[in-house]
Amino acid sequence: MAKHLYTYINPLAEKHLAEALGVLSNDGLIAYATEVNWAVGCAADSVKAVRRIQQLKSEHPKNQPFTLLCNSLSMVADMAVVEQSTYRFLRKILPGPYTVILPSHKGLPKIIHDKRKSVGIRIPECPLLMGLIAALEKPILTSSLPLGTFGDEAPRFGYDVESRFGHLLDLILDLGEEVIPGETTIVDFTSGSPQVLRKGLGSVSIFAGD
């Protein structure tokens, strides 16, 4: 059963940050609240942890890559090919409630590369996650909750996550606040010009002229 850690501090205090890093460094799964929804994540290069998320998210389309959380555009460039025209857009929308689809880079961890030509990437507007990624010094592979097998209503509080998913997780990082479930706006840059695949919380006005 997952440890439910009420941090109340965003970003994490050093003690809690060390505990979260220990979980991620030992193939663990962590649930956390983003600015969009509750999600589950692991170290992107942990084969065992990624397999756990794949089992946990059995309904996730096999041809759809999981999203990587990065904390800078330089980290994004290590995971994906970023053209100059794309970079100009990313500077304007990130960090924020966007998932961008980019061509895969050779630096992408093999466990999530899987011969795929694209990867989904986010830079979240969440000090907790930004600090955790910076301390880990590598991306976090992430996927939203809930799981299809648990119904359609997304969790709003940490205790919802614990009661429904605690047995599948190792740690729940809880700021003690309600999270109103939403979706990111998904923008595909693999063809050169941005294509909005899903309208979520992020504005699409910046793409109107393309």
N, C-alpha and C. Protein backbone atom coordinates (compact mmCIF):
# COMPACT_ATOMS: atom_id res chain seq x y z
N MET A 1 0.84 -1.20 0.00
CA MET A 1 0.00 0.00 0.00
C MET A 1 0.88 1.25 0.00
N ALA A 2 0.50 2.22 -0.78
CA ALA A 2 1.30 3.43 -0.91
C ALA A 2 1.35 4.22 0.39
N LYS A 3 2.47 4.86 0.63
CA LYS A 3 2.57 5.80 1.73
C LYS A 3 1.91 7.10 1.27
N HIS A 4 1.01 7.63 2.09
CA HIS A 4 0.30 8.87 1.75
C HIS A 4 1.00 10.01 2.48
N LEU A 5 1.75 10.82 1.73
CA LEU A 5 2.56 11.87 2.31
C LEU A 5 1.92 13.23 2.08
N TYR A 6 1.40 13.83 3.15
CA TYR A 6 0.86 15.18 3.07
C TYR A 6 2.03 16.16 3.22
N THR A 7 2.38 16.82 2.14
CA THR A 7 3.52 17.71 2.17
C THR A 7 3.11 19.14 2.53
N TYR A 8 1.99 19.60 1.99
CA TYR A 8 1.48 20.97 2.19
C TYR A 8 2.45 22.04 1.72
N ILE A 9 3.54 21.63 1.10
CA ILE A 9 4.56 22.58 0.66
C ILE A 9 4.84 22.36 -0.83
N ASN A 10 4.82 23.43 -1.60
CA ASN A 10 5.04 23.35 -3.02
C ASN A 10 6.03 24.45 -3.42
N PRO A 11 7.31 24.15 -3.69
CA PRO A 11 7.87 22.82 -3.92
C PRO A 11 8.12 22.05 -2.63
N LEU A 12 8.57 20.81 -2.80
CA LEU A 12 8.75 19.91 -1.67
C LEU A 12 9.86 20.37 -0.74
N ALA A 13 9.67 20.11 0.55
CA ALA A 13 10.74 20.30 1.52
C ALA A 13 11.83 19.25 1.24
N GLU A 14 13.04 19.53 1.67
CA GLU A 14 14.18 18.65 1.36
C GLU A 14 13.94 17.22 1.83
N LYS A 15 13.36 17.05 3.00
CA LYS A 15 13.11 15.71 3.53
C LYS A 15 12.16 14.93 2.64
N HIS A 16 11.08 15.57 2.21
CA HIS A 16 10.11 14.91 1.36
C HIS A 16 10.66 14.68 -0.04
N LEU A 17 11.46 15.63 -0.51
CA LEU A 17 12.10 15.47 -1.82
C LEU A 17 13.01 14.26 -1.82
N ALA A 18 13.78 14.07 -0.77
CA ALA A 18 14.67 12.92 -0.68
C ALA A 18 13.89 11.61 -0.66
N GLU A 19 12.75 11.63 0.03
CA GLU A 19 11.92 10.41 0.09
C GLU A 19 11.35 10.09 -1.29
N ALA A 20 10.87 11.10 -2.01
CA ALA A 20 10.33 10.89 -3.35
C ALA A 20 11.41 10.41 -4.31
N LEU A 21 12.60 10.98 -4.20
CA LEU A 21 13.70 10.55 -5.05
C LEU A 21 14.08 9.10 -4.79
N GLY A 22 14.02 8.71 -3.52
CA GLY A 22 14.31 7.32 -3.18
C GLY A 22 13.33 6.36 -3.83
N VAL A 23 12.07 6.73 -3.86
CA VAL A 23 11.06 5.89 -4.51
C VAL A 23 11.33 5.79 -6.00
N LEU A 24 11.55 6.93 -6.65
CA LEU A 24 11.78 6.94 -8.10
C LEU A 24 13.05 6.19 -8.47
N SER A 25 14.06 6.28 -7.62
CA SER A 25 15.34 5.63 -7.91
C SER A 25 15.30 4.12 -7.69
N ASN A 26 14.22 3.64 -7.08
CA ASN A 26 14.10 2.20 -6.80
C ASN A 26 12.87 1.61 -7.49
N ASP A 27 12.65 2.04 -8.74
CA ASP A 27 11.60 1.48 -9.60
C ASP A 27 10.19 1.71 -9.05
N GLY A 28 10.02 2.78 -8.25
CA GLY A 28 8.72 3.03 -7.63
C GLY A 28 7.81 3.90 -8.47
N LEU A 29 6.52 3.87 -8.09
CA LEU A 29 5.50 4.70 -8.73
C LEU A 29 4.99 5.73 -7.73
N ILE A 30 4.86 6.96 -8.18
CA ILE A 30 4.40 8.06 -7.34
C ILE A 30 3.16 8.69 -7.97
N ALA A 31 2.16 8.97 -7.16
CA ALA A 31 1.00 9.74 -7.61
C ALA A 31 1.17 11.17 -7.12
N TYR A 32 0.77 12.13 -7.93
CA TYR A 32 0.92 13.54 -7.58
C TYR A 32 -0.14 14.35 -8.31
N ALA A 33 -0.40 15.53 -7.77
CA ALA A 33 -1.34 16.44 -8.40
C ALA A 33 -0.59 17.39 -9.30
N THR A 34 -1.01 17.48 -10.56
CA THR A 34 -0.47 18.48 -11.47
C THR A 34 -1.44 19.66 -11.51
N GLU A 35 -1.16 20.65 -12.34
CA GLU A 35 -2.08 21.77 -12.49
C GLU A 35 -3.31 21.38 -13.31
N VAL A 36 -3.32 20.13 -13.82
CA VAL A 36 -4.41 19.67 -14.68
C VAL A 36 -5.22 18.56 -14.02
N ASN A 37 -4.56 17.60 -13.37
CA ASN A 37 -5.25 16.45 -12.80
C ASN A 37 -4.29 15.67 -11.89
N TRP A 38 -4.80 14.58 -11.33
CA TRP A 38 -3.94 13.64 -10.61
C TRP A 38 -3.30 12.71 -11.63
N ALA A 39 -2.03 12.37 -11.40
CA ALA A 39 -1.31 11.53 -12.34
C ALA A 39 -0.38 10.59 -11.59
N VAL A 40 0.13 9.61 -12.30
CA VAL A 40 1.09 8.66 -11.74
C VAL A 40 2.35 8.75 -12.59
N GLY A 41 3.51 8.60 -11.94
CA GLY A 41 4.75 8.72 -12.68
C GLY A 41 5.87 7.87 -12.12
N CYS A 42 6.92 7.75 -12.92
CA CYS A 42 8.10 6.98 -12.52
C CYS A 42 9.30 7.54 -13.27
N ALA A 43 10.49 7.09 -12.89
CA ALA A 43 11.69 7.47 -13.64
C ALA A 43 11.58 6.89 -15.05
N ALA A 44 11.79 7.74 -16.05
CA ALA A 44 11.54 7.33 -17.43
C ALA A 44 12.46 6.21 -17.91
N ASP A 45 13.62 6.05 -17.26
CA ASP A 45 14.56 5.03 -17.71
C ASP A 45 14.52 3.77 -16.83
N SER A 46 13.52 3.66 -15.97
CA SER A 46 13.38 2.47 -15.13
C SER A 46 12.51 1.44 -15.84
N VAL A 47 13.13 0.38 -16.33
CA VAL A 47 12.39 -0.65 -17.08
C VAL A 47 11.27 -1.24 -16.23
N LYS A 48 11.60 -1.60 -15.00
CA LYS A 48 10.61 -2.22 -14.13
C LYS A 48 9.43 -1.29 -13.84
N ALA A 49 9.72 -0.02 -13.55
CA ALA A 49 8.66 0.93 -13.22
C ALA A 49 7.79 1.23 -14.44
N VAL A 50 8.40 1.37 -15.60
CA VAL A 50 7.61 1.62 -16.82
C VAL A 50 6.69 0.44 -17.09
N ARG A 51 7.18 -0.77 -16.89
CA ARG A 51 6.34 -1.96 -17.08
C ARG A 51 5.17 -1.94 -16.10
N ARG A 52 5.42 -1.46 -14.88
CA ARG A 52 4.33 -1.37 -13.89
C ARG A 52 3.26 -0.39 -14.35
N ILE A 53 3.67 0.74 -14.93
CA ILE A 53 2.68 1.69 -15.42
C ILE A 53 1.94 1.11 -16.62
N GLN A 54 2.65 0.39 -17.47
CA GLN A 54 1.99 -0.24 -18.61
C GLN A 54 0.93 -1.23 -18.15
N GLN A 55 1.20 -1.97 -17.09
CA GLN A 55 0.21 -2.89 -16.54
C GLN A 55 -0.93 -2.14 -15.86
N LEU A 56 -0.57 -1.08 -15.15
CA LEU A 56 -1.55 -0.26 -14.45
C LEU A 56 -2.49 0.43 -15.43
N LYS A 57 -1.94 0.84 -16.58
CA LYS A 57 -2.70 1.52 -17.62
C LYS A 57 -2.89 0.58 -18.81
N SER A 58 -3.47 -0.56 -18.55
CA SER A 58 -3.62 -1.58 -19.59
C SER A 58 -4.50 -1.11 -20.74
N GLU A 59 -5.35 -0.11 -20.47
CA GLU A 59 -6.22 0.41 -21.53
C GLU A 59 -5.52 1.43 -22.42
N HIS A 60 -4.31 1.82 -22.06
CA HIS A 60 -3.56 2.81 -22.84
C HIS A 60 -3.20 2.22 -24.20
N PRO A 61 -3.52 2.89 -25.30
CA PRO A 61 -3.19 2.37 -26.64
C PRO A 61 -1.71 2.07 -26.78
N LYS A 62 -1.39 0.88 -27.28
CA LYS A 62 0.00 0.47 -27.37
C LYS A 62 0.82 1.33 -28.33
N ASN A 63 0.15 1.92 -29.31
CA ASN A 63 0.87 2.75 -30.27
C ASN A 63 0.94 4.21 -29.85
N GLN A 64 0.47 4.51 -28.65
CA GLN A 64 0.48 5.89 -28.13
C GLN A 64 1.50 5.99 -26.99
N PRO A 65 2.56 6.77 -27.19
CA PRO A 65 3.59 6.85 -26.15
C PRO A 65 3.09 7.56 -24.91
N PHE A 66 3.63 7.17 -23.75
CA PHE A 66 3.35 7.90 -22.52
C PHE A 66 4.04 9.26 -22.58
N THR A 67 3.57 10.17 -21.76
CA THR A 67 4.13 11.52 -21.74
C THR A 67 5.34 11.60 -20.82
N LEU A 68 6.31 12.41 -21.23
CA LEU A 68 7.47 12.69 -20.39
C LEU A 68 7.33 14.07 -19.79
N LEU A 69 7.56 14.17 -18.48
CA LEU A 69 7.61 15.46 -17.81
C LEU A 69 9.06 15.94 -17.78
N CYS A 70 9.31 17.11 -18.34
CA CYS A 70 10.63 17.73 -18.32
C CYS A 70 10.55 19.04 -17.55
N ASN A 71 11.68 19.58 -17.16
CA ASN A 71 11.66 20.85 -16.42
C ASN A 71 12.34 21.97 -17.17
N SER A 72 12.74 21.73 -18.42
CA SER A 72 13.38 22.78 -19.21
C SER A 72 13.34 22.39 -20.68
N LEU A 73 13.51 23.39 -21.53
CA LEU A 73 13.55 23.12 -22.96
C LEU A 73 14.83 22.37 -23.34
N SER A 74 15.89 22.56 -22.57
CA SER A 74 17.12 21.81 -22.85
C SER A 74 16.91 20.32 -22.59
N MET A 75 16.15 19.97 -21.55
CA MET A 75 15.84 18.57 -21.30
C MET A 75 14.92 18.03 -22.39
N VAL A 76 13.99 18.85 -22.86
CA VAL A 76 13.12 18.45 -23.97
C VAL A 76 13.96 18.10 -25.19
N ALA A 77 14.97 18.93 -25.47
CA ALA A 77 15.83 18.72 -26.63
C ALA A 77 16.66 17.45 -26.52
N ASP A 78 16.87 16.94 -25.31
CA ASP A 78 17.57 15.68 -25.12
C ASP A 78 16.67 14.48 -25.44
N MET A 79 15.35 14.70 -25.38
CA MET A 79 14.39 13.62 -25.58
C MET A 79 13.75 13.65 -26.97
N ALA A 80 13.75 14.82 -27.61
CA ALA A 80 13.03 14.97 -28.87
C ALA A 80 13.79 15.91 -29.80
N VAL A 81 13.46 15.81 -31.08
CA VAL A 81 14.02 16.72 -32.08
C VAL A 81 13.17 17.98 -32.10
N VAL A 82 13.78 19.12 -31.84
CA VAL A 82 13.06 20.39 -31.77
C VAL A 82 13.59 21.33 -32.86
N GLU A 83 12.78 21.54 -33.89
CA GLU A 83 13.16 22.47 -34.95
C GLU A 83 13.06 23.90 -34.43
N GLN A 84 13.74 24.81 -35.11
CA GLN A 84 13.75 26.20 -34.67
C GLN A 84 12.35 26.80 -34.65
N SER A 85 11.55 26.49 -35.67
CA SER A 85 10.18 27.01 -35.71
C SER A 85 9.35 26.47 -34.55
N THR A 86 9.56 25.20 -34.20
CA THR A 86 8.86 24.59 -33.08
C THR A 86 9.32 25.21 -31.76
N TYR A 87 10.61 25.44 -31.65
CA TYR A 87 11.18 26.02 -30.42
C TYR A 87 10.52 27.35 -30.08
N ARG A 88 10.23 28.16 -31.11
CA ARG A 88 9.61 29.46 -30.87
C ARG A 88 8.23 29.29 -30.24
N PHE A 89 7.48 28.27 -30.68
CA PHE A 89 6.17 27.99 -30.08
C PHE A 89 6.33 27.49 -28.65
N LEU A 90 7.27 26.58 -28.45
CA LEU A 90 7.44 25.98 -27.12
C LEU A 90 7.81 27.02 -26.09
N ARG A 91 8.61 27.99 -26.48
CA ARG A 91 8.99 29.06 -25.54
C ARG A 91 7.76 29.85 -25.08
N LYS A 92 6.74 29.93 -25.92
CA LYS A 92 5.55 30.72 -25.60
C LYS A 92 4.54 29.94 -24.77
N ILE A 93 4.48 28.61 -24.93
CA ILE A 93 3.41 27.84 -24.28
C ILE A 93 3.89 27.02 -23.09
N LEU A 94 5.19 26.84 -22.93
CA LEU A 94 5.71 26.02 -21.85
C LEU A 94 6.51 26.87 -20.86
N PRO A 95 6.40 26.60 -19.56
CA PRO A 95 5.53 25.57 -18.95
C PRO A 95 4.05 25.96 -19.05
N GLY A 96 3.20 24.94 -19.04
CA GLY A 96 1.77 25.19 -19.14
C GLY A 96 1.01 23.91 -19.40
N PRO A 97 -0.32 24.00 -19.51
CA PRO A 97 -1.18 22.81 -19.65
C PRO A 97 -1.22 22.27 -21.08
N TYR A 98 -0.05 22.02 -21.64
CA TYR A 98 0.07 21.50 -22.99
C TYR A 98 0.87 20.21 -23.00
N THR A 99 0.46 19.28 -23.85
CA THR A 99 1.28 18.13 -24.20
C THR A 99 1.68 18.30 -25.65
N VAL A 100 2.97 18.31 -25.92
CA VAL A 100 3.43 18.49 -27.29
C VAL A 100 3.98 17.18 -27.83
N ILE A 101 3.62 16.86 -29.05
CA ILE A 101 4.10 15.64 -29.71
C ILE A 101 5.24 16.04 -30.63
N LEU A 102 6.41 15.45 -30.40
CA LEU A 102 7.61 15.80 -31.14
C LEU A 102 8.28 14.54 -31.69
N PRO A 103 9.10 14.68 -32.74
CA PRO A 103 9.86 13.53 -33.24
C PRO A 103 10.83 13.04 -32.16
N SER A 104 10.95 11.73 -32.04
CA SER A 104 11.83 11.16 -31.02
C SER A 104 13.30 11.46 -31.31
N HIS A 105 14.05 11.65 -30.24
CA HIS A 105 15.49 11.85 -30.30
C HIS A 105 16.18 10.55 -29.90
N LYS A 106 17.39 10.36 -30.36
CA LYS A 106 18.14 9.15 -30.02
C LYS A 106 18.42 9.06 -28.53
N GLY A 107 18.30 10.19 -27.80
CA GLY A 107 18.52 10.18 -26.36
C GLY A 107 17.35 9.66 -25.57
N LEU A 108 16.23 9.40 -26.23
CA LEU A 108 15.05 8.90 -25.55
C LEU A 108 15.33 7.52 -24.95
N PRO A 109 14.99 7.30 -23.66
CA PRO A 109 15.23 6.00 -23.05
C PRO A 109 14.63 4.86 -23.88
N LYS A 110 15.39 3.79 -24.05
CA LYS A 110 14.96 2.70 -24.93
C LYS A 110 13.63 2.08 -24.51
N ILE A 111 13.38 2.04 -23.21
CA ILE A 111 12.17 1.39 -22.73
C ILE A 111 10.92 2.10 -23.25
N ILE A 112 11.00 3.41 -23.50
CA ILE A 112 9.83 4.12 -24.03
C ILE A 112 9.99 4.47 -25.50
N HIS A 113 11.19 4.27 -26.06
CA HIS A 113 11.40 4.55 -27.48
C HIS A 113 10.63 3.53 -28.31
N ASP A 114 10.97 2.25 -28.12
CA ASP A 114 10.21 1.15 -28.71
C ASP A 114 9.94 1.37 -30.20
N LYS A 115 10.94 1.89 -30.91
CA LYS A 115 10.87 2.14 -32.35
C LYS A 115 9.82 3.18 -32.74
N ARG A 116 9.28 3.89 -31.76
CA ARG A 116 8.30 4.92 -32.09
C ARG A 116 9.01 6.17 -32.61
N LYS A 117 8.35 6.85 -33.50
CA LYS A 117 8.94 8.02 -34.13
C LYS A 117 8.59 9.32 -33.44
N SER A 118 7.73 9.25 -32.43
CA SER A 118 7.32 10.48 -31.75
C SER A 118 7.22 10.25 -30.25
N VAL A 119 7.19 11.36 -29.50
CA VAL A 119 7.09 11.29 -28.05
C VAL A 119 6.27 12.48 -27.56
N GLY A 120 5.45 12.24 -26.54
CA GLY A 120 4.68 13.32 -25.92
C GLY A 120 5.45 13.90 -24.74
N ILE A 121 5.50 15.22 -24.66
CA ILE A 121 6.30 15.89 -23.63
C ILE A 121 5.51 17.04 -23.01
N ARG A 122 5.68 17.21 -21.69
CA ARG A 122 5.11 18.34 -20.96
C ARG A 122 6.17 19.01 -20.10
N ILE A 123 6.03 20.32 -19.92
CA ILE A 123 6.74 21.03 -18.86
C ILE A 123 5.64 21.61 -17.98
N PRO A 124 5.42 21.04 -16.79
CA PRO A 124 4.27 21.43 -15.97
C PRO A 124 4.46 22.75 -15.23
N GLU A 125 3.35 23.41 -14.94
CA GLU A 125 3.37 24.60 -14.09
C GLU A 125 3.14 24.17 -12.65
N CYS A 126 4.09 23.43 -12.12
CA CYS A 126 3.95 22.86 -10.78
C CYS A 126 5.32 22.83 -10.13
N PRO A 127 5.60 23.70 -9.17
CA PRO A 127 6.91 23.74 -8.52
C PRO A 127 7.32 22.39 -7.93
N LEU A 128 6.36 21.64 -7.39
CA LEU A 128 6.66 20.33 -6.82
C LEU A 128 7.29 19.42 -7.87
N LEU A 129 6.67 19.33 -9.03
CA LEU A 129 7.17 18.46 -10.09
C LEU A 129 8.45 19.01 -10.72
N MET A 130 8.50 20.30 -10.90
CA MET A 130 9.71 20.90 -11.48
C MET A 130 10.92 20.64 -10.58
N GLY A 131 10.72 20.75 -9.27
CA GLY A 131 11.81 20.49 -8.34
C GLY A 131 12.20 19.03 -8.31
N LEU A 132 11.20 18.16 -8.41
CA LEU A 132 11.47 16.72 -8.39
C LEU A 132 12.24 16.30 -9.63
N ILE A 133 11.86 16.82 -10.79
CA ILE A 133 12.57 16.49 -12.03
C ILE A 133 14.00 17.02 -11.98
N ALA A 134 14.16 18.23 -11.47
CA ALA A 134 15.51 18.82 -11.38
C ALA A 134 16.41 17.98 -10.48
N ALA A 135 15.87 17.51 -9.37
CA ALA A 135 16.65 16.70 -8.44
C ALA A 135 16.97 15.33 -9.03
N LEU A 136 16.01 14.77 -9.79
CA LEU A 136 16.20 13.47 -10.41
C LEU A 136 17.17 13.56 -11.58
N GLU A 137 17.24 14.74 -12.20
CA GLU A 137 18.11 15.03 -13.34
C GLU A 137 17.77 14.20 -14.57
N LYS A 138 16.51 13.85 -14.70
CA LYS A 138 16.01 13.13 -15.87
C LYS A 138 14.50 13.24 -15.89
N PRO A 139 13.88 12.98 -17.03
CA PRO A 139 12.41 13.13 -17.11
C PRO A 139 11.67 12.10 -16.26
N ILE A 140 10.45 12.45 -15.93
CA ILE A 140 9.52 11.52 -15.29
C ILE A 140 8.49 11.09 -16.33
N LEU A 141 8.32 9.79 -16.49
CA LEU A 141 7.27 9.29 -17.37
C LEU A 141 5.96 9.35 -16.60
N THR A 142 4.92 9.89 -17.21
CA THR A 142 3.69 10.15 -16.48
C THR A 142 2.46 9.75 -17.27
N SER A 143 1.39 9.47 -16.55
CA SER A 143 0.09 9.17 -17.16
C SER A 143 -0.99 9.58 -16.17
N SER A 144 -2.08 10.10 -16.69
CA SER A 144 -3.14 10.61 -15.80
C SER A 144 -3.93 9.48 -15.16
N LEU A 145 -4.55 9.78 -14.02
CA LEU A 145 -5.53 8.92 -13.38
C LEU A 145 -6.90 9.52 -13.67
N PRO A 146 -7.98 8.75 -13.71
CA PRO A 146 -8.09 7.37 -13.25
C PRO A 146 -7.78 6.38 -14.36
N LEU A 147 -7.82 5.12 -13.99
CA LEU A 147 -7.71 4.02 -14.93
C LEU A 147 -9.11 3.63 -15.38
N GLY A 148 -9.20 3.14 -16.59
CA GLY A 148 -10.50 2.80 -17.14
C GLY A 148 -11.26 1.78 -16.30
N THR A 149 -10.53 0.88 -15.66
CA THR A 149 -11.19 -0.18 -14.90
C THR A 149 -11.82 0.33 -13.61
N PHE A 150 -11.53 1.59 -13.25
CA PHE A 150 -12.07 2.13 -12.01
C PHE A 150 -13.20 3.12 -12.25
N GLY A 151 -13.68 3.21 -13.48
CA GLY A 151 -14.77 4.14 -13.77
C GLY A 151 -14.26 5.43 -14.38
N ASP A 152 -15.16 6.32 -14.65
CA ASP A 152 -14.85 7.53 -15.40
C ASP A 152 -14.61 8.76 -14.55
N GLU A 153 -14.97 8.72 -13.27
CA GLU A 153 -14.82 9.92 -12.44
C GLU A 153 -13.40 10.05 -11.93
N ALA A 154 -12.75 11.12 -12.30
CA ALA A 154 -11.36 11.32 -11.92
C ALA A 154 -11.26 11.72 -10.45
N PRO A 155 -10.18 11.32 -9.76
CA PRO A 155 -10.00 11.71 -8.35
C PRO A 155 -9.75 13.20 -8.21
N ARG A 156 -10.23 13.77 -7.09
CA ARG A 156 -10.04 15.20 -6.82
C ARG A 156 -9.12 15.43 -5.63
N PHE A 157 -9.10 14.50 -4.68
CA PHE A 157 -8.29 14.63 -3.47
C PHE A 157 -7.35 13.43 -3.33
N GLY A 158 -6.31 13.64 -2.52
CA GLY A 158 -5.36 12.57 -2.29
C GLY A 158 -5.99 11.33 -1.69
N TYR A 159 -7.00 11.50 -0.82
CA TYR A 159 -7.62 10.32 -0.22
C TYR A 159 -8.41 9.52 -1.25
N ASP A 160 -8.90 10.18 -2.33
CA ASP A 160 -9.52 9.45 -3.43
C ASP A 160 -8.49 8.56 -4.11
N VAL A 161 -7.31 9.12 -4.33
CA VAL A 161 -6.23 8.37 -4.97
C VAL A 161 -5.83 7.18 -4.10
N GLU A 162 -5.69 7.42 -2.79
CA GLU A 162 -5.28 6.34 -1.89
C GLU A 162 -6.29 5.20 -1.87
N SER A 163 -7.57 5.53 -1.77
CA SER A 163 -8.59 4.48 -1.66
C SER A 163 -8.73 3.68 -2.94
N ARG A 164 -8.50 4.30 -4.07
CA ARG A 164 -8.74 3.62 -5.35
C ARG A 164 -7.48 3.02 -5.95
N PHE A 165 -6.33 3.64 -5.71
CA PHE A 165 -5.11 3.20 -6.38
C PHE A 165 -3.94 2.91 -5.44
N GLY A 166 -4.16 3.08 -4.14
CA GLY A 166 -3.06 2.96 -3.19
C GLY A 166 -2.32 1.64 -3.26
N HIS A 167 -3.04 0.56 -3.54
CA HIS A 167 -2.41 -0.76 -3.58
C HIS A 167 -1.51 -0.94 -4.80
N LEU A 168 -1.59 -0.02 -5.76
CA LEU A 168 -0.80 -0.11 -6.99
C LEU A 168 0.38 0.86 -7.00
N LEU A 169 0.47 1.70 -5.96
CA LEU A 169 1.46 2.76 -5.92
C LEU A 169 2.42 2.57 -4.75
N ASP A 170 3.48 3.37 -4.73
CA ASP A 170 4.44 3.35 -3.63
C ASP A 170 4.38 4.61 -2.78
N LEU A 171 4.00 5.73 -3.39
CA LEU A 171 3.97 7.00 -2.67
C LEU A 171 2.93 7.93 -3.29
N ILE A 172 2.19 8.63 -2.43
CA ILE A 172 1.25 9.66 -2.88
C ILE A 172 1.72 10.98 -2.31
N LEU A 173 2.06 11.92 -3.17
CA LEU A 173 2.46 13.25 -2.76
C LEU A 173 1.23 14.16 -2.78
N ASP A 174 0.81 14.60 -1.62
CA ASP A 174 -0.47 15.29 -1.48
C ASP A 174 -0.25 16.66 -0.86
N LEU A 175 -0.63 17.70 -1.60
CA LEU A 175 -0.54 19.06 -1.09
C LEU A 175 -1.76 19.44 -0.26
N GLY A 176 -2.72 18.51 -0.16
CA GLY A 176 -3.90 18.75 0.65
C GLY A 176 -4.96 19.58 -0.04
N GLU A 177 -4.83 19.80 -1.34
CA GLU A 177 -5.76 20.64 -2.07
C GLU A 177 -6.59 19.82 -3.05
N GLU A 178 -7.76 20.33 -3.37
CA GLU A 178 -8.61 19.70 -4.38
C GLU A 178 -8.05 20.01 -5.77
N VAL A 179 -8.08 19.01 -6.63
CA VAL A 179 -7.68 19.18 -8.02
C VAL A 179 -8.90 18.99 -8.90
N ILE A 180 -9.30 20.04 -9.60
CA ILE A 180 -10.44 19.94 -10.52
C ILE A 180 -9.95 19.26 -11.79
N PRO A 181 -10.47 18.07 -12.10
CA PRO A 181 -9.95 17.30 -13.25
C PRO A 181 -10.11 18.05 -14.57
N GLY A 182 -9.06 18.02 -15.36
CA GLY A 182 -9.08 18.61 -16.68
C GLY A 182 -8.16 17.84 -17.61
N GLU A 183 -7.95 18.38 -18.80
CA GLU A 183 -7.07 17.76 -19.77
C GLU A 183 -6.11 18.81 -20.33
N THR A 184 -4.94 18.35 -20.72
CA THR A 184 -4.02 19.24 -21.42
C THR A 184 -4.48 19.42 -22.86
N THR A 185 -4.05 20.50 -23.46
CA THR A 185 -4.21 20.66 -24.91
C THR A 185 -3.05 19.92 -25.57
N ILE A 186 -3.36 19.06 -26.53
CA ILE A 186 -2.34 18.28 -27.22
C ILE A 186 -2.06 18.91 -28.58
N VAL A 187 -0.78 19.21 -28.83
CA VAL A 187 -0.38 19.83 -30.09
C VAL A 187 0.71 18.97 -30.73
N ASP A 188 0.49 18.58 -31.98
CA ASP A 188 1.41 17.72 -32.72
C ASP A 188 2.31 18.59 -33.60
N PHE A 189 3.63 18.49 -33.35
CA PHE A 189 4.60 19.25 -34.14
C PHE A 189 5.40 18.35 -35.09
N THR A 190 5.02 17.10 -35.23
CA THR A 190 5.85 16.17 -36.00
C THR A 190 5.86 16.46 -37.50
N SER A 191 4.86 17.19 -37.98
CA SER A 191 4.81 17.50 -39.42
C SER A 191 5.40 18.87 -39.73
N GLY A 192 5.95 19.53 -38.74
CA GLY A 192 6.53 20.84 -38.94
C GLY A 192 5.65 21.95 -38.39
N SER A 193 4.43 22.07 -38.89
CA SER A 193 3.50 23.08 -38.39
C SER A 193 2.63 22.47 -37.29
N PRO A 194 2.23 23.26 -36.29
CA PRO A 194 1.46 22.70 -35.17
C PRO A 194 0.05 22.31 -35.56
N GLN A 195 -0.35 21.12 -35.11
CA GLN A 195 -1.71 20.62 -35.32
C GLN A 195 -2.33 20.32 -33.96
N VAL A 196 -3.42 21.00 -33.64
CA VAL A 196 -4.09 20.78 -32.35
C VAL A 196 -4.91 19.50 -32.43
N LEU A 197 -4.50 18.50 -31.64
CA LEU A 197 -5.20 17.20 -31.65
C LEU A 197 -6.30 17.15 -30.61
N ARG A 198 -6.15 17.93 -29.54
CA ARG A 198 -7.17 17.97 -28.48
C ARG A 198 -7.14 19.33 -27.82
N LYS A 199 -8.30 19.94 -27.70
CA LYS A 199 -8.41 21.22 -27.00
C LYS A 199 -8.69 20.95 -25.53
N GLY A 200 -7.76 21.35 -24.68
CA GLY A 200 -7.92 21.19 -23.26
C GLY A 200 -7.83 22.54 -22.56
N LEU A 201 -7.10 22.59 -21.46
CA LEU A 201 -7.01 23.81 -20.67
C LEU A 201 -6.13 24.88 -21.31
N GLY A 202 -5.22 24.48 -22.18
CA GLY A 202 -4.33 25.45 -22.81
C GLY A 202 -5.01 26.16 -23.98
N SER A 203 -4.80 27.46 -24.09
CA SER A 203 -5.35 28.23 -25.19
C SER A 203 -4.73 27.79 -26.53
N VAL A 204 -5.53 27.82 -27.59
CA VAL A 204 -5.05 27.46 -28.92
C VAL A 204 -4.95 28.68 -29.83
N SER A 205 -5.17 29.88 -29.29
CA SER A 205 -5.16 31.09 -30.11
C SER A 205 -3.82 31.33 -30.78
N ILE A 206 -2.74 30.91 -30.13
CA ILE A 206 -1.40 31.10 -30.68
C ILE A 206 -1.21 30.33 -31.98
N PHE A 207 -2.01 29.27 -32.19
CA PHE A 207 -1.88 28.45 -33.38
C PHE A 207 -2.87 28.83 -34.47
N ALA A 208 -3.67 29.86 -34.22
CA ALA A 208 -4.77 30.19 -35.13
C ALA A 208 -4.29 30.53 -36.53
N GLY A 209 -3.11 31.11 -36.64
CA GLY A 209 -2.62 31.51 -37.96
C GLY A 209 -1.94 30.43 -38.73
N ASP A 210 -1.84 29.22 -38.16
CA ASP A 210 -1.11 28.13 -38.81
C ASP A 210 -2.06 27.09 -39.34
